[in-house]
Amino acid sequence: MTNLELQAYRRFLMLKVPEASEYIGKTDAKTWHDWEKGIEPVPEFVGNAMKALKKLRTDKVNIIINSINDRVGSNTIRYFMTFEEFKKVNPDLDVIQWRLHQSIATELYFRGLEKLC
């Protein structure tokens, strides 16, 4: 994965550098910035983890889209403004899962498939 691809993946997944560096890179924010700037090569495990998260996101979006026609009532998806709000509803999930959820909710909203609540 190139430095530009890493940054694109991180932004697509709505991750902040400190979150990505801690939870995915298992490193500090400076090192992550060095990867994104092309100063240091992106480790293979980081590229693989980002691709796996994108696949998980795509799979979840497809599941939701496929289920929309089977729903009764309005199509809404919860948008959590803070990680703390997300944890109240999903106590076993981490910040990466929160960001993934936010990214999915945003895409579905902008596709006109879900309303945010």
C-alpha atoms as a PDB file:
ATOM      1  CA  MET A   1       0.000   0.000   0.000  1.00  0.00           C
ATOM      2  CA  THR A   2       1.335   3.437  -0.884  1.00  0.00           C
ATOM      3  CA  ASN A   3       1.358   6.385   1.471  1.00  0.00           C
ATOM      4  CA  LEU A   4      -1.448   8.071  -0.476  1.00  0.00           C
ATOM      5  CA  GLU A   5      -3.564   4.932  -0.420  1.00  0.00           C
ATOM      6  CA  LEU A   6      -3.058   4.659   3.350  1.00  0.00           C
ATOM      7  CA  GLN A   7      -4.299   8.195   3.862  1.00  0.00           C
ATOM      8  CA  ALA A   8      -7.263   7.620   1.541  1.00  0.00           C
ATOM      9  CA  TYR A   9      -8.234   4.441   3.410  1.00  0.00           C
ATOM     10  CA  ARG A  10      -7.934   6.178   6.786  1.00  0.00           C
ATOM     11  CA  ARG A  11     -10.103   9.075   5.703  1.00  0.00           C
ATOM     12  CA  PHE A  12     -12.624   6.795   4.012  1.00  0.00           C
ATOM     13  CA  LEU A  13     -12.956   4.883   7.279  1.00  0.00           C
ATOM     14  CA  MET A  14     -13.252   8.206   9.180  1.00  0.00           C
ATOM     15  CA  LEU A  15     -10.279   7.385  11.400  1.00  0.00           C
ATOM     16  CA  LYS A  16      -8.195  10.039  13.095  1.00  0.00           C
ATOM     17  CA  VAL A  17      -4.418   9.516  12.971  1.00  0.00           C
ATOM     18  CA  PRO A  18      -4.163   8.816  16.730  1.00  0.00           C
ATOM     19  CA  GLU A  19      -6.893   6.161  16.446  1.00  0.00           C
ATOM     20  CA  ALA A  20      -5.386   4.494  13.389  1.00  0.00           C
ATOM     21  CA  SER A  21      -1.880   4.547  14.821  1.00  0.00           C
ATOM     22  CA  GLU A  22      -2.935   3.051  18.160  1.00  0.00           C
ATOM     23  CA  TYR A  23      -5.506   0.481  17.080  1.00  0.00           C
ATOM     24  CA  ILE A  24      -4.235  -0.541  13.648  1.00  0.00           C
ATOM     25  CA  GLY A  25      -0.552   0.363  13.485  1.00  0.00           C
ATOM     26  CA  LYS A  26       0.170  -0.358  17.155  1.00  0.00           C
ATOM     27  CA  THR A  27       2.478   2.649  17.065  1.00  0.00           C
ATOM     28  CA  ASP A  28       2.514   6.393  17.725  1.00  0.00           C
ATOM     29  CA  ALA A  29       0.954   9.145  15.626  1.00  0.00           C
ATOM     30  CA  LYS A  30       4.344  10.394  14.373  1.00  0.00           C
ATOM     31  CA  THR A  31       5.135   7.024  12.827  1.00  0.00           C
ATOM     32  CA  TRP A  32       1.708   6.917  11.164  1.00  0.00           C
ATOM     33  CA  HIS A  33       2.275  10.429   9.786  1.00  0.00           C
ATOM     34  CA  ASP A  34       5.645   9.256   8.427  1.00  0.00           C
ATOM     35  CA  TRP A  35       3.861   6.419   6.596  1.00  0.00           C
ATOM     36  CA  GLU A  36       1.278   8.795   5.143  1.00  0.00           C
ATOM     37  CA  LYS A  37       3.963  11.290   4.092  1.00  0.00           C
ATOM     38  CA  GLY A  38       5.977   8.558   2.392  1.00  0.00           C
ATOM     39  CA  ILE A  39       8.956   9.057   4.712  1.00  0.00           C
ATOM     40  CA  GLU A  40       8.724   5.414   5.783  1.00  0.00           C
ATOM     41  CA  PRO A  41       7.096   2.576   3.838  1.00  0.00           C
ATOM     42  CA  VAL A  42       3.678   1.409   4.982  1.00  0.00           C
ATOM     43  CA  PRO A  43       4.084  -1.938   6.762  1.00  0.00           C
ATOM     44  CA  GLU A  44       2.350  -4.832   5.059  1.00  0.00           C
ATOM     45  CA  PHE A  45       0.312  -5.662   8.178  1.00  0.00           C
ATOM     46  CA  VAL A  46      -1.094  -2.112   8.207  1.00  0.00           C
ATOM     47  CA  GLY A  47      -2.073  -2.268   4.537  1.00  0.00           C
ATOM     48  CA  ASN A  48      -3.686  -5.661   5.088  1.00  0.00           C
ATOM     49  CA  ALA A  49      -5.603  -4.396   8.130  1.00  0.00           C
ATOM     50  CA  MET A  50      -6.904  -1.361   6.240  1.00  0.00           C
ATOM     51  CA  LYS A  51      -8.010  -3.521   3.303  1.00  0.00           C
ATOM     52  CA  ALA A  52      -9.738  -5.920   5.707  1.00  0.00           C
ATOM     53  CA  LEU A  53     -11.613  -3.014   7.327  1.00  0.00           C
ATOM     54  CA  LYS A  54     -12.689  -1.736   3.912  1.00  0.00           C
ATOM     55  CA  LYS A  55     -13.961  -5.223   3.009  1.00  0.00           C
ATOM     56  CA  LEU A  56     -15.830  -5.475   6.315  1.00  0.00           C
ATOM     57  CA  ARG A  57     -17.354  -2.052   5.652  1.00  0.00           C
ATOM     58  CA  THR A  58     -18.387  -3.032   2.112  1.00  0.00           C
ATOM     59  CA  ASP A  59     -19.923  -6.266   3.381  1.00  0.00           C
ATOM     60  CA  LYS A  60     -21.904  -4.414   6.056  1.00  0.00           C
ATOM     61  CA  VAL A  61     -23.134  -1.785   3.582  1.00  0.00           C
ATOM     62  CA  ASN A  62     -24.289  -4.531   1.212  1.00  0.00           C
ATOM     63  CA  ILE A  63     -26.109  -6.372   4.011  1.00  0.00           C
ATOM     64  CA  ILE A  64     -27.953  -3.191   4.965  1.00  0.00           C
ATOM     65  CA  ILE A  65     -28.814  -2.334   1.354  1.00  0.00           C
ATOM     66  CA  ASN A  66     -30.094  -5.853   0.712  1.00  0.00           C
ATOM     67  CA  SER A  67     -32.282  -5.700   3.815  1.00  0.00           C
ATOM     68  CA  ILE A  68     -33.817  -2.284   3.134  1.00  0.00           C
ATOM     69  CA  ASN A  69     -36.605  -3.653   0.942  1.00  0.00           C
ATOM     70  CA  ASP A  70     -37.590  -6.150   3.639  1.00  0.00           C
ATOM     71  CA  ARG A  71     -38.006  -3.535   6.350  1.00  0.00           C
ATOM     72  CA  VAL A  72     -41.252  -2.256   7.727  1.00  0.00           C
ATOM     73  CA  GLY A  73     -41.312   1.409   8.663  1.00  0.00           C
ATOM     74  CA  SER A  74     -38.728   4.118   8.158  1.00  0.00           C
ATOM     75  CA  ASN A  75     -35.131   3.514   7.221  1.00  0.00           C
ATOM     76  CA  THR A  76     -32.973   5.124   9.873  1.00  0.00           C
ATOM     77  CA  ILE A  77     -29.485   4.480  11.117  1.00  0.00           C
ATOM     78  CA  ARG A  78     -28.088   5.807  14.348  1.00  0.00           C
ATOM     79  CA  TYR A  79     -25.253   8.310  14.093  1.00  0.00           C
ATOM     80  CA  PHE A  80     -23.236   8.557  17.291  1.00  0.00           C
ATOM     81  CA  MET A  81     -21.594  11.935  17.758  1.00  0.00           C
ATOM     82  CA  THR A  82     -19.125  10.594  20.323  1.00  0.00           C
ATOM     83  CA  PHE A  83     -17.459   7.295  21.096  1.00  0.00           C
ATOM     84  CA  GLU A  84     -19.003   7.479  24.576  1.00  0.00           C
ATOM     85  CA  GLU A  85     -22.523   7.512  23.077  1.00  0.00           C
ATOM     86  CA  PHE A  86     -21.612   4.528  20.889  1.00  0.00           C
ATOM     87  CA  LYS A  87     -20.214   2.595  23.887  1.00  0.00           C
ATOM     88  CA  LYS A  88     -23.478   2.999  25.807  1.00  0.00           C
ATOM     89  CA  VAL A  89     -25.267   1.037  23.083  1.00  0.00           C
ATOM     90  CA  ASN A  90     -22.335  -1.183  22.040  1.00  0.00           C
ATOM     91  CA  PRO A  91     -20.248  -1.777  25.179  1.00  0.00           C
ATOM     92  CA  ASP A  92     -18.165  -4.573  23.641  1.00  0.00           C
ATOM     93  CA  LEU A  93     -17.039  -2.635  20.555  1.00  0.00           C
ATOM     94  CA  ASP A  94     -13.982  -0.416  20.185  1.00  0.00           C
ATOM     95  CA  VAL A  95     -13.238   2.930  18.559  1.00  0.00           C
ATOM     96  CA  ILE A  96     -12.473   1.291  15.212  1.00  0.00           C
ATOM     97  CA  GLN A  97     -15.955  -0.258  15.135  1.00  0.00           C
ATOM     98  CA  TRP A  98     -17.441   3.153  16.039  1.00  0.00           C
ATOM     99  CA  ARG A  99     -15.634   4.851  13.166  1.00  0.00           C
ATOM    100  CA  LEU A 100     -16.620   2.038  10.821  1.00  0.00           C
ATOM    101  CA  HIS A 101     -20.258   2.478  11.841  1.00  0.00           C
ATOM    102  CA  GLN A 102     -20.065   6.246  11.303  1.00  0.00           C
ATOM    103  CA  SER A 103     -18.542   5.744   7.862  1.00  0.00           C
ATOM    104  CA  ILE A 104     -21.307   3.302   6.898  1.00  0.00           C
ATOM    105  CA  ALA A 105     -24.042   5.568   8.258  1.00  0.00           C
ATOM    106  CA  THR A 106     -22.651   8.508   6.297  1.00  0.00           C
ATOM    107  CA  GLU A 107     -22.535   6.566   3.030  1.00  0.00           C
ATOM    108  CA  LEU A 108     -26.064   5.239   3.423  1.00  0.00           C
ATOM    109  CA  TYR A 109     -27.333   8.721   4.244  1.00  0.00           C
ATOM    110  CA  PHE A 110     -25.688  10.276   1.201  1.00  0.00           C
ATOM    111  CA  ARG A 111     -27.015   7.495  -1.033  1.00  0.00           C
ATOM    112  CA  GLY A 112     -30.478   8.464   0.167  1.00  0.00           C
ATOM    113  CA  LEU A 113     -31.051   5.016   1.657  1.00  0.00           C
ATOM    114  CA  GLU A 114     -31.123   5.872   5.351  1.00  0.00           C
ATOM    115  CA  LYS A 115     -32.000   8.838   7.520  1.00  0.00           C
ATOM    116  CA  LEU A 116     -29.689   9.653  10.412  1.00  0.00           C
ATOM    117  CA  CYS A 117     -31.074   9.583  13.907  1.00  0.00           C
END
